[in-house]
Amino acid sequence: MGASPALEGQTVVLIGGTRGIGLATARLAGVEGARLIITARDAERLREVGSELGAATAAFDATDLERLGRFIDELPDVVDHVLITGPGPYYAPLADLDLIEARRDYEAHLLAPVQLARHAVGRLRPGGTLLFMSGTGGRRSSSGALLTAHTAAIPALVRNLALEVAPIRVNAIAAGFVDTPLSAALLGDQLDERREQLRRTLPIERVVTAEDVAALAIHLMVNTAITGATVDIDGGQQLLD
């Protein structure tokens, strides 16, 4: 007899679950028996994904922090796991920094996880998971002051939230290059060159995919011994930098 699906009978919320890592995680969570609740800004795309996966849906912009908190408060039942992916990073050298964009980036990558944690108590079951996304590229000083600061802040935030909202577990995934639509949008016509360069140089001899990150996300949901952790997934990219 085979093992039961890892998330059977559990509810997984994917905030930003219609593309890339969020969508891959939603699909894998569904395979593992989870009930799905998916949110996104694009209502039409959300309807398509919700229909494909049999998921409940809610269309809103997760960078609207008040709306994000209200969404968690209004969940009809206690849920088990929440993954928030967020928008891509804001790259800008100091001389070109747009403070309005910088503030939006700060809110999306630091205040949104804080808001989620504030409202999660009582809405996530004890031992459930809050899971945030971060990156490894910002660990290089050359990435720019804003991105470097955010990258450094996430592990500290996760460690502290893991204590403040325990026994809810709080973890983060720090990804390197992942072959997603977001990467394609950021790199444009340089995408194929970047893929080939990584295939030649990474120890794993291939690029990291959204499905790779999704598998890690499901593991962090299932493994109840892990909290306060920031787990890297970059195919060994940091070993070469």
Protein backbone atom coordinates (compact mmCIF):
# COMPACT_ATOMS: atom_id res chain seq x y z
CA MET A 1 0.00 0.00 0.00
CA GLY A 2 1.28 3.49 -0.86
CA ALA A 3 1.68 6.27 1.66
CA SER A 4 -1.13 8.78 2.08
CA PRO A 5 -0.67 12.15 0.33
CA ALA A 6 1.50 14.38 2.52
CA LEU A 7 -1.08 17.19 2.80
CA GLU A 8 -4.26 15.15 2.80
CA GLY A 9 -7.04 16.96 4.65
CA GLN A 10 -5.02 20.17 5.00
CA THR A 11 -5.68 23.63 3.54
CA VAL A 12 -2.91 25.55 1.79
CA VAL A 13 -3.22 29.25 0.96
CA LEU A 14 -1.09 30.55 -1.94
CA ILE A 15 -0.85 34.35 -1.97
CA GLY A 16 0.37 35.01 -5.49
CA GLY A 17 -0.50 31.54 -6.70
CA THR A 18 -1.20 31.89 -10.41
CA ARG A 19 2.31 32.02 -11.88
CA GLY A 20 5.83 30.76 -11.31
CA ILE A 21 6.71 29.41 -7.88
CA GLY A 22 3.26 30.07 -6.44
CA LEU A 23 1.51 28.15 -9.20
CA ALA A 24 3.99 25.26 -9.09
CA THR A 25 3.48 25.00 -5.33
CA ALA A 26 -0.29 25.09 -5.71
CA ARG A 27 -0.17 22.26 -8.24
CA LEU A 28 2.10 20.11 -6.09
CA ALA A 29 0.07 20.79 -2.94
CA GLY A 30 -3.03 19.68 -4.83
CA VAL A 31 -1.31 16.46 -5.86
CA GLU A 32 -0.45 15.93 -2.19
CA GLY A 33 -4.12 16.13 -1.26
CA ALA A 34 -4.43 19.73 -0.04
CA ARG A 35 -7.47 21.93 -0.34
CA LEU A 36 -6.32 25.12 -2.07
CA ILE A 37 -7.08 28.80 -1.64
CA ILE A 38 -5.32 30.96 -4.22
CA THR A 39 -5.06 34.74 -4.46
CA ALA A 40 -3.73 37.04 -7.19
CA ARG A 41 -4.27 40.49 -8.63
CA ASP A 42 -5.24 39.33 -12.12
CA ALA A 43 -8.86 38.21 -11.72
CA GLU A 44 -9.09 36.56 -15.15
CA ARG A 45 -5.91 34.54 -14.69
CA LEU A 46 -7.07 33.66 -11.18
CA ARG A 47 -10.34 32.23 -12.53
CA GLU A 48 -8.41 30.05 -14.99
CA VAL A 49 -6.06 28.66 -12.34
CA GLY A 50 -8.86 28.23 -9.81
CA SER A 51 -10.85 26.22 -12.35
CA GLU A 52 -7.81 24.11 -13.29
CA LEU A 53 -6.98 23.20 -9.69
CA GLY A 54 -10.43 23.21 -8.12
CA ALA A 55 -9.30 25.96 -5.77
CA ALA A 56 -11.18 28.65 -3.90
CA THR A 57 -9.98 32.09 -5.03
CA ALA A 58 -9.79 35.71 -3.93
CA ALA A 59 -8.69 38.51 -6.25
CA PHE A 60 -6.76 41.34 -4.59
CA ASP A 61 -3.34 43.01 -4.49
CA ALA A 62 -1.32 41.55 -1.62
CA THR A 63 0.76 44.74 -1.43
CA ASP A 64 -2.40 46.41 -0.09
CA LEU A 65 -1.55 45.55 3.51
CA GLU A 66 -4.96 46.40 4.91
CA ARG A 67 -6.65 44.15 2.34
CA LEU A 68 -4.13 41.38 3.03
CA GLY A 69 -4.93 41.45 6.75
CA ARG A 70 -8.65 41.47 6.07
CA PHE A 71 -8.32 38.46 3.77
CA ILE A 72 -6.68 36.42 6.54
CA ASP A 73 -9.22 37.59 9.13
CA GLU A 74 -12.11 36.58 6.86
CA LEU A 75 -10.94 33.05 6.04
CA PRO A 76 -13.97 30.86 6.73
CA ASP A 77 -12.00 28.19 8.57
CA VAL A 78 -8.64 27.68 10.22
CA VAL A 79 -6.01 26.84 7.57
CA ASP A 80 -2.78 24.88 7.74
CA HIS A 81 -0.18 26.63 5.59
CA VAL A 82 0.28 29.99 3.87
CA LEU A 83 2.89 30.81 1.21
CA ILE A 84 3.32 34.41 0.06
CA THR A 85 5.52 34.94 -2.99
CA GLY A 86 5.38 38.68 -3.58
CA PRO A 87 6.57 40.69 -6.59
CA GLY A 88 10.07 40.62 -7.99
CA PRO A 89 12.89 42.61 -6.39
CA TYR A 90 13.48 46.28 -7.13
CA TYR A 91 16.96 46.73 -8.59
CA ALA A 92 18.37 50.26 -8.54
CA PRO A 93 21.73 51.82 -7.70
CA LEU A 94 21.66 54.60 -5.12
CA ALA A 95 21.95 57.35 -7.71
CA ASP A 96 18.84 56.11 -9.54
CA LEU A 97 16.76 55.09 -6.52
CA ASP A 98 13.09 56.05 -6.74
CA LEU A 99 11.88 56.46 -3.15
CA ILE A 100 8.26 55.70 -4.05
CA GLU A 101 9.28 52.42 -5.69
CA ALA A 102 11.66 51.71 -2.82
CA ARG A 103 8.86 52.16 -0.29
CA ARG A 104 6.60 49.82 -2.28
CA ASP A 105 9.38 47.25 -2.39
CA TYR A 106 9.93 47.52 1.37
CA GLU A 107 6.23 47.04 2.03
CA ALA A 108 5.94 44.09 -0.36
CA HIS A 109 8.94 42.15 0.94
CA LEU A 110 9.06 43.04 4.64
CA LEU A 111 5.81 44.59 5.83
CA ALA A 112 3.58 42.12 3.97
CA PRO A 113 5.13 39.14 5.83
CA VAL A 114 4.80 41.05 9.10
CA GLN A 115 1.15 41.83 8.37
CA LEU A 116 0.53 38.21 7.48
CA ALA A 117 2.08 37.03 10.74
CA ARG A 118 0.07 39.55 12.79
CA HIS A 119 -3.19 38.23 11.41
CA ALA A 120 -2.20 34.57 11.30
CA VAL A 121 -2.61 33.91 15.01
CA GLY A 122 -5.93 32.20 15.44
CA ARG A 123 -6.33 31.64 11.69
CA LEU A 124 -3.53 29.06 11.25
CA ARG A 125 -3.57 25.84 13.20
CA PRO A 126 -0.79 25.27 15.75
CA GLY A 127 2.14 23.67 13.93
CA GLY A 128 1.04 25.11 10.60
CA THR A 129 3.37 27.11 8.40
CA LEU A 130 3.92 30.68 7.32
CA LEU A 131 6.32 30.55 4.38
CA PHE A 132 8.01 33.58 2.80
CA MET A 133 10.15 33.97 -0.32
CA SER A 134 13.55 35.63 -0.41
CA GLY A 135 16.65 35.38 -2.58
CA THR A 136 20.36 34.73 -2.48
CA GLY A 137 21.48 37.28 -5.07
CA GLY A 138 21.15 40.19 -2.65
CA ARG A 139 23.87 38.75 -0.41
CA ARG A 140 26.43 40.32 -2.73
CA SER A 141 27.19 43.95 -1.94
CA SER A 142 27.15 44.66 -5.66
CA SER A 143 23.40 43.99 -5.73
CA GLY A 144 22.62 47.46 -4.37
CA ALA A 145 21.91 48.81 -0.91
CA LEU A 146 18.14 48.29 -0.92
CA LEU A 147 18.14 44.69 -2.16
CA THR A 148 21.05 43.77 0.09
CA ALA A 149 19.27 45.22 3.13
CA HIS A 150 16.05 43.32 2.39
CA THR A 151 17.94 40.08 1.84
CA ALA A 152 19.69 40.44 5.18
CA ALA A 153 16.47 41.38 6.97
CA ILE A 154 14.39 38.34 6.00
CA PRO A 155 16.31 35.68 8.00
CA ALA A 156 16.23 37.91 11.10
CA LEU A 157 12.53 38.55 10.62
CA VAL A 158 11.80 34.84 10.22
CA ARG A 159 13.74 33.90 13.37
CA ASN A 160 11.91 36.45 15.48
CA LEU A 161 8.45 35.73 14.08
CA ALA A 162 8.99 32.01 14.69
CA LEU A 163 9.20 32.82 18.40
CA GLU A 164 6.45 35.42 18.48
CA VAL A 165 3.75 33.36 16.76
CA ALA A 166 4.82 29.89 17.96
CA PRO A 167 3.61 27.16 17.75
CA ILE A 168 2.84 28.38 14.21
CA ARG A 169 6.06 27.73 12.26
CA VAL A 170 7.71 30.47 10.21
CA ASN A 171 10.27 29.77 7.49
CA ALA A 172 11.66 31.35 4.33
CA ILE A 173 12.98 30.05 1.04
CA ALA A 174 15.95 31.94 -0.42
CA ALA A 175 16.16 31.18 -4.13
CA GLY A 176 18.85 31.94 -6.64
CA PHE A 177 17.96 32.13 -10.33
CA VAL A 178 14.70 30.23 -10.93
CA ASP A 179 13.43 29.71 -14.47
CA THR A 180 10.04 31.44 -14.17
CA PRO A 181 8.03 34.05 -16.09
CA LEU A 182 9.35 36.65 -13.63
CA SER A 183 12.93 35.79 -14.57
CA ALA A 184 11.98 36.01 -18.22
CA ALA A 185 10.49 39.47 -17.68
CA LEU A 186 13.55 40.70 -15.77
CA LEU A 187 16.14 39.34 -18.24
CA GLY A 188 14.32 39.86 -21.52
CA ASP A 189 16.46 38.85 -24.49
CA GLN A 190 19.29 37.84 -22.12
CA LEU A 191 17.28 34.92 -20.71
CA ASP A 192 18.59 32.18 -22.99
CA GLU A 193 22.18 33.30 -22.46
CA ARG A 194 21.69 33.21 -18.67
CA ARG A 195 20.14 29.73 -18.81
CA GLU A 196 23.02 28.38 -20.86
CA GLN A 197 25.62 30.00 -18.61
CA LEU A 198 24.04 28.37 -15.54
CA ARG A 199 23.83 24.97 -17.23
CA ARG A 200 27.57 25.17 -17.92
CA THR A 201 28.63 26.36 -14.47
CA LEU A 202 26.23 25.17 -11.78
CA PRO A 203 27.24 21.98 -9.93
CA ILE A 204 23.80 20.51 -10.70
CA GLU A 205 24.37 21.15 -14.45
CA ARG A 206 20.88 22.54 -15.00
CA VAL A 207 18.80 25.55 -14.03
CA VAL A 208 16.58 25.56 -10.95
CA THR A 209 12.88 25.40 -11.84
CA ALA A 210 9.71 26.52 -10.09
CA GLU A 211 8.94 22.86 -9.47
CA ASP A 212 12.21 22.50 -7.54
CA VAL A 213 11.22 25.37 -5.26
CA ALA A 214 7.70 23.98 -4.91
CA ALA A 215 9.09 20.66 -3.70
CA LEU A 216 11.06 22.51 -1.01
CA ALA A 217 7.98 24.52 -0.03
CA ILE A 218 5.94 21.35 0.46
CA HIS A 219 8.75 19.81 2.52
CA LEU A 220 8.79 22.85 4.82
CA MET A 221 5.04 22.52 5.25
CA VAL A 222 5.23 18.82 6.07
CA ASN A 223 8.33 18.70 8.26
CA THR A 224 7.06 19.96 11.61
CA ALA A 225 10.58 20.15 13.13
CA ILE A 226 11.61 23.14 11.00
CA THR A 227 10.93 26.71 12.11
CA GLY A 228 12.87 29.96 12.07
CA ALA A 229 14.88 28.75 9.08
CA THR A 230 15.87 30.38 5.81
CA VAL A 231 16.61 27.57 3.37
CA ASP A 232 18.68 28.20 0.24
CA ILE A 233 17.89 26.70 -3.14
CA ASP A 234 20.19 27.87 -5.91
CA GLY A 235 21.76 24.80 -7.48
CA GLY A 236 25.10 25.66 -5.90
CA GLN A 237 25.27 29.13 -7.44
CA GLN A 238 26.69 30.73 -4.27
CA LEU A 239 29.58 28.29 -4.32
CA LEU A 240 30.78 29.92 -7.53
CA ASP A 241 30.34 33.62 -6.69
